[in-house]
C-alpha atoms as a PDB file:
ATOM      1  CA  MET A   1     -49.477  37.185 -22.892  1.00  0.00           C
ATOM      2  CA  TRP A   2     -46.285  38.869 -23.672  1.00  0.00           C
ATOM      3  CA  VAL A   3     -45.672  39.891 -20.411  1.00  0.00           C
ATOM      4  CA  CYS A   4     -45.750  36.148 -19.160  1.00  0.00           C
ATOM      5  CA  LEU A   5     -43.008  35.580 -22.011  1.00  0.00           C
ATOM      6  CA  LEU A   6     -41.045  38.167 -21.232  1.00  0.00           C
ATOM      7  CA  LEU A   7     -40.814  38.080 -17.357  1.00  0.00           C
ATOM      8  CA  PRO A   8     -38.756  34.807 -17.124  1.00  0.00           C
ATOM      9  CA  THR A   9     -36.188  36.450 -19.288  1.00  0.00           C
ATOM     10  CA  TRP A  10     -36.116  39.728 -17.536  1.00  0.00           C
ATOM     11  CA  ILE A  11     -35.731  37.776 -14.163  1.00  0.00           C
ATOM     12  CA  LEU A  12     -32.947  35.622 -15.780  1.00  0.00           C
ATOM     13  CA  ALA A  13     -31.300  38.889 -16.968  1.00  0.00           C
ATOM     14  CA  GLN A  14     -31.172  40.565 -13.485  1.00  0.00           C
ATOM     15  CA  GLN A  15     -29.151  37.200 -12.186  1.00  0.00           C
ATOM     16  CA  GLU A  16     -25.449  37.357 -11.595  1.00  0.00           C
ATOM     17  CA  ILE A  17     -23.697  34.737 -13.401  1.00  0.00           C
ATOM     18  CA  ARG A  18     -20.794  33.451 -11.661  1.00  0.00           C
ATOM     19  CA  PHE A  19     -18.457  30.129 -12.319  1.00  0.00           C
ATOM     20  CA  THR A  20     -15.612  29.672  -9.489  1.00  0.00           C
ATOM     21  CA  VAL A  21     -13.347  27.127  -8.542  1.00  0.00           C
ATOM     22  CA  GLN A  22     -12.490  26.688  -4.918  1.00  0.00           C
ATOM     23  CA  ILE A  23      -9.718  23.950  -3.477  1.00  0.00           C
ATOM     24  CA  SER A  24      -9.851  22.295   0.174  1.00  0.00           C
ATOM     25  CA  GLY A  25      -6.703  23.056   2.425  1.00  0.00           C
ATOM     26  CA  GLY A  26      -4.881  25.674   0.681  1.00  0.00           C
ATOM     27  CA  ASP A  27      -2.519  25.293  -2.389  1.00  0.00           C
ATOM     28  CA  THR A  28       0.475  23.350  -1.013  1.00  0.00           C
ATOM     29  CA  ILE A  29      -0.012  19.799   0.028  1.00  0.00           C
ATOM     30  CA  GLY A  30       1.911  16.577   1.136  1.00  0.00           C
ATOM     31  CA  LEU A  31       2.795  13.888  -1.434  1.00  0.00           C
ATOM     32  CA  TYR A  32      -0.193  11.351  -1.495  1.00  0.00           C
ATOM     33  CA  GLU A  33      -2.601  13.712   0.655  1.00  0.00           C
ATOM     34  CA  HIS A  34      -6.326  14.078  -0.789  1.00  0.00           C
ATOM     35  CA  LEU A  35      -7.055  17.161  -1.995  1.00  0.00           C
ATOM     36  CA  ASP A  36     -11.270  18.402  -2.799  1.00  0.00           C
ATOM     37  CA  ILE A  37     -11.672  20.681  -5.911  1.00  0.00           C
ATOM     38  CA  GLN A  38     -15.001  22.113  -6.092  1.00  0.00           C
ATOM     39  CA  TYR A  39     -16.581  23.926  -9.393  1.00  0.00           C
ATOM     40  CA  LYS A  40     -19.757  26.245  -8.535  1.00  0.00           C
ATOM     41  CA  ILE A  41     -21.917  27.463 -11.016  1.00  0.00           C
ATOM     42  CA  GLU A  42     -24.427  30.242  -9.843  1.00  0.00           C
ATOM     43  CA  GLY A  43     -27.316  31.707 -11.494  1.00  0.00           C
ATOM     44  CA  THR A  44     -27.888  30.420 -14.761  1.00  0.00           C
ATOM     45  CA  ASP A  45     -28.592  27.213 -17.078  1.00  0.00           C
ATOM     46  CA  TYR A  46     -25.519  26.121 -18.921  1.00  0.00           C
ATOM     47  CA  LYS A  47     -24.252  23.059 -20.645  1.00  0.00           C
ATOM     48  CA  ASP A  48     -21.211  21.631 -21.794  1.00  0.00           C
ATOM     49  CA  PHE A  49     -19.500  21.171 -18.247  1.00  0.00           C
ATOM     50  CA  GLN A  50     -15.474  20.749 -19.470  1.00  0.00           C
ATOM     51  CA  LEU A  51     -13.158  19.145 -16.772  1.00  0.00           C
ATOM     52  CA  PRO A  52      -9.634  20.389 -17.024  1.00  0.00           C
ATOM     53  CA  GLU A  53      -6.754  17.479 -16.694  1.00  0.00           C
ATOM     54  CA  PHE A  54      -5.162  17.002 -13.448  1.00  0.00           C
ATOM     55  CA  SER A  55      -1.802  16.357 -14.055  1.00  0.00           C
ATOM     56  CA  GLY A  56       0.246  14.966 -11.590  1.00  0.00           C
ATOM     57  CA  PHE A  57      -3.019  13.756  -9.367  1.00  0.00           C
ATOM     58  CA  ASP A  58      -5.320  10.996  -9.507  1.00  0.00           C
ATOM     59  CA  ILE A  59      -9.222  11.184  -9.322  1.00  0.00           C
ATOM     60  CA  VAL A  60     -10.183   9.011  -6.595  1.00  0.00           C
ATOM     61  CA  SER A  61     -13.993  10.276  -5.980  1.00  0.00           C
ATOM     62  CA  GLY A  62     -16.119  12.390  -7.901  1.00  0.00           C
ATOM     63  CA  PRO A  63     -18.010  13.712  -9.547  1.00  0.00           C
ATOM     64  CA  TYR A  64     -20.621  14.335  -6.858  1.00  0.00           C
ATOM     65  CA  GLN A  65     -22.900  16.883  -8.311  1.00  0.00           C
ATOM     66  CA  SER A  66     -25.282  18.930  -5.901  1.00  0.00           C
ATOM     67  CA  THR A  67     -28.078  21.465  -7.577  1.00  0.00           C
ATOM     68  CA  SER A  68     -30.033  24.112  -5.215  1.00  0.00           C
ATOM     69  CA  ILE A  69     -32.946  26.057  -6.621  1.00  0.00           C
ATOM     70  CA  SER A  70     -34.493  28.456  -4.718  1.00  0.00           C
ATOM     71  CA  TYR A  71     -37.225  31.291  -4.977  1.00  0.00           C
ATOM     72  CA  VAL A  72     -37.049  34.640  -2.376  1.00  0.00           C
ATOM     73  CA  ASN A  73     -39.536  37.142  -3.282  1.00  0.00           C
ATOM     74  CA  GLY A  74     -40.355  36.193  -6.845  1.00  0.00           C
ATOM     75  CA  VAL A  75     -36.820  35.716  -7.783  1.00  0.00           C
ATOM     76  CA  MET A  76     -35.253  32.269  -8.556  1.00  0.00           C
ATOM     77  CA  SER A  77     -31.594  31.440  -7.703  1.00  0.00           C
ATOM     78  CA  ARG A  78     -29.895  28.240  -8.962  1.00  0.00           C
ATOM     79  CA  GLU A  79     -26.703  26.816  -7.885  1.00  0.00           C
ATOM     80  CA  THR A  80     -24.836  23.737  -9.281  1.00  0.00           C
ATOM     81  CA  THR A  81     -21.471  22.049  -7.798  1.00  0.00           C
ATOM     82  CA  TYR A  82     -19.227  19.693  -8.908  1.00  0.00           C
ATOM     83  CA  THR A  83     -16.661  18.311  -6.437  1.00  0.00           C
ATOM     84  CA  TYR A  84     -13.881  16.100  -7.093  1.00  0.00           C
ATOM     85  CA  ARG A  85     -11.449  14.309  -4.828  1.00  0.00           C
ATOM     86  CA  LEU A  86      -7.959  14.266  -5.911  1.00  0.00           C
ATOM     87  CA  VAL A  87      -4.805  12.777  -4.602  1.00  0.00           C
ATOM     88  CA  ALA A  88      -1.251  13.692  -5.532  1.00  0.00           C
ATOM     89  CA  GLU A  89       0.979  11.361  -7.149  1.00  0.00           C
ATOM     90  CA  GLU A  90       4.109  13.472  -7.952  1.00  0.00           C
ATOM     91  CA  GLU A  91       6.201  16.289  -6.292  1.00  0.00           C
ATOM     92  CA  GLY A  92       6.081  19.554  -7.653  1.00  0.00           C
ATOM     93  CA  THR A  93       3.887  22.531  -8.808  1.00  0.00           C
ATOM     94  CA  PHE A  94       1.016  21.724 -11.103  1.00  0.00           C
ATOM     95  CA  VAL A  95      -1.273  24.017 -13.036  1.00  0.00           C
ATOM     96  CA  PHE A  96      -4.715  22.996 -13.660  1.00  0.00           C
ATOM     97  CA  PRO A  97      -6.415  24.329 -16.322  1.00  0.00           C
ATOM     98  CA  PRO A  98      -9.573  26.314 -16.233  1.00  0.00           C
ATOM     99  CA  ALA A  99     -12.989  24.368 -16.338  1.00  0.00           C
ATOM    100  CA  SER A 100     -15.551  25.794 -18.640  1.00  0.00           C
ATOM    101  CA  ILE A 101     -19.333  25.989 -19.285  1.00  0.00           C
ATOM    102  CA  LEU A 102     -21.283  27.215 -22.301  1.00  0.00           C
ATOM    103  CA  VAL A 103     -23.982  30.083 -21.274  1.00  0.00           C
ATOM    104  CA  ALA A 104     -26.250  31.245 -24.399  1.00  0.00           C
ATOM    105  CA  GLU A 105     -23.275  30.258 -26.521  1.00  0.00           C
ATOM    106  CA  GLU A 106     -20.789  32.120 -24.739  1.00  0.00           C
ATOM    107  CA  LEU A 107     -17.880  30.219 -23.068  1.00  0.00           C
ATOM    108  CA  LEU A 108     -16.927  31.193 -19.464  1.00  0.00           C
ATOM    109  CA  GLU A 109     -14.305  29.534 -17.704  1.00  0.00           C
ATOM    110  CA  THR A 110     -13.265  29.451 -14.076  1.00  0.00           C
ATOM    111  CA  GLN A 111      -9.813  30.543 -12.940  1.00  0.00           C
ATOM    112  CA  VAL A 112      -6.150  28.681 -13.373  1.00  0.00           C
ATOM    113  CA  VAL A 113      -5.494  26.799  -9.876  1.00  0.00           C
ATOM    114  CA  GLU A 114      -2.021  26.203  -8.907  1.00  0.00           C
ATOM    115  CA  ILE A 115      -1.040  23.434  -6.529  1.00  0.00           C
ATOM    116  CA  THR A 116       2.571  22.823  -4.966  1.00  0.00           C
ATOM    117  CA  VAL A 117       2.746  19.415  -3.862  1.00  0.00           C
ATOM    118  CA  VAL A 118       5.591  18.516  -1.147  1.00  0.00           C
ATOM    119  CA  GLU A 119       7.588  15.572   0.014  1.00  0.00           C
ATOM    120  CA  ASN A 120       6.585  15.724   3.719  1.00  0.00           C
ATOM    121  CA  GLY A 121       2.946  14.382   3.426  1.00  0.00           C
ATOM    122  CA  ILE A 122       1.893  11.278   4.725  1.00  0.00           C
ATOM    123  CA  SER A 123       3.493   8.058   4.044  1.00  0.00           C
ATOM    124  CA  LYS A 124       2.739   6.456   0.616  1.00  0.00           C
ATOM    125  CA  PRO A 125      -0.269   4.047   1.107  1.00  0.00           C
ATOM    126  CA  LYS A 126       0.792   0.585   0.799  1.00  0.00           C
ATOM    127  CA  GLN A 127      -0.741  -2.104  -1.402  1.00  0.00           C
ATOM    128  CA  LEU A 128      -3.070  -4.168   0.337  1.00  0.00           C
ATOM    129  CA  LYS A 129      -2.927  -8.115  -0.458  1.00  0.00           C
ATOM    130  CA  GLU A 130      -6.040  -9.731  -1.096  1.00  0.00           C
ATOM    131  CA  LYS A 131      -6.648 -11.786   1.735  1.00  0.00           C
ATOM    132  CA  LYS A 132      -9.087 -14.601   1.790  1.00  0.00           C
ATOM    133  CA  PHE A 133     -11.335 -14.613   4.926  1.00  0.00           C
ATOM    134  CA  ARG A 134     -13.103 -17.810   6.496  1.00  0.00           C
ATOM    135  CA  THR A 135     -15.305 -18.310   9.022  1.00  0.00           C
ATOM    136  CA  PRO A 136     -13.710 -20.640  11.075  1.00  0.00           C
ATOM    137  CA  MET A 137     -16.204 -23.607  11.777  1.00  0.00           C
ATOM    138  CA  PRO A 138     -16.551 -24.668  15.396  1.00  0.00           C
ATOM    139  CA  ALA A 139     -14.637 -28.048  15.847  1.00  0.00           C
ATOM    140  CA  PRO A 140     -17.464 -30.769  16.592  1.00  0.00           C
ATOM    141  CA  LEU A 141     -17.751 -31.933  20.147  1.00  0.00           C
ATOM    142  CA  PRO A 142     -17.060 -35.468  20.809  1.00  0.00           C
ATOM    143  CA  ARG A 143     -20.343 -37.587  21.305  1.00  0.00           C
ATOM    144  CA  GLU A 144     -19.112 -39.213  24.487  1.00  0.00           C
ATOM    145  CA  ARG A 145     -19.310 -35.801  26.142  1.00  0.00           C
ATOM    146  CA  PHE A 146     -23.079 -35.779  25.598  1.00  0.00           C
ATOM    147  CA  LYS A 147     -23.989 -39.688  26.287  1.00  0.00           C
ATOM    148  CA  ASP A 148     -24.834 -39.180  30.003  1.00  0.00           C
ATOM    149  CA  THR A 149     -26.928 -35.832  29.279  1.00  0.00           C
ATOM    150  CA  LYS A 150     -30.560 -36.261  30.592  1.00  0.00           C
ATOM    151  CA  ILE A 151     -33.179 -34.033  28.914  1.00  0.00           C
ATOM    152  CA  TYR A 152     -35.861 -32.553  31.027  1.00  0.00           C
ATOM    153  CA  SER A 153     -39.284 -31.217  30.311  1.00  0.00           C
ATOM    154  CA  ILE A 154     -41.465 -29.063  32.263  1.00  0.00           C
END
């Protein structure tokens, strides 16, 4: 019985724990362009995922969360990913502080991310006015048009 209880702990101790951050498209983007930022936790259970503040950016979608658990030759591996889509709202250089998680009461953090936003991005999206769409009703046909119509049955 002791072997069964210690075996999962020994397997978890063998796993490498990684907490990383990745951005799409590089560290320089244009004004009003979007950026995907992805936080990946590999090899462990965790709690209290803390997202940093994204100054100069607006979160337009997310979080998208995916979790993958696999067993290969009796060894379990686990990976959880959080993805956010951000839009640059200001020009300049911005520093995103690290995200953090708790693993066995120990705080793990990602690296700091630095993004430069330049003016020559895509043009600013225009504010769309709300339009009311109506399905046009067909104009009624005059009755005189059908007065000489004959109906045939087979």
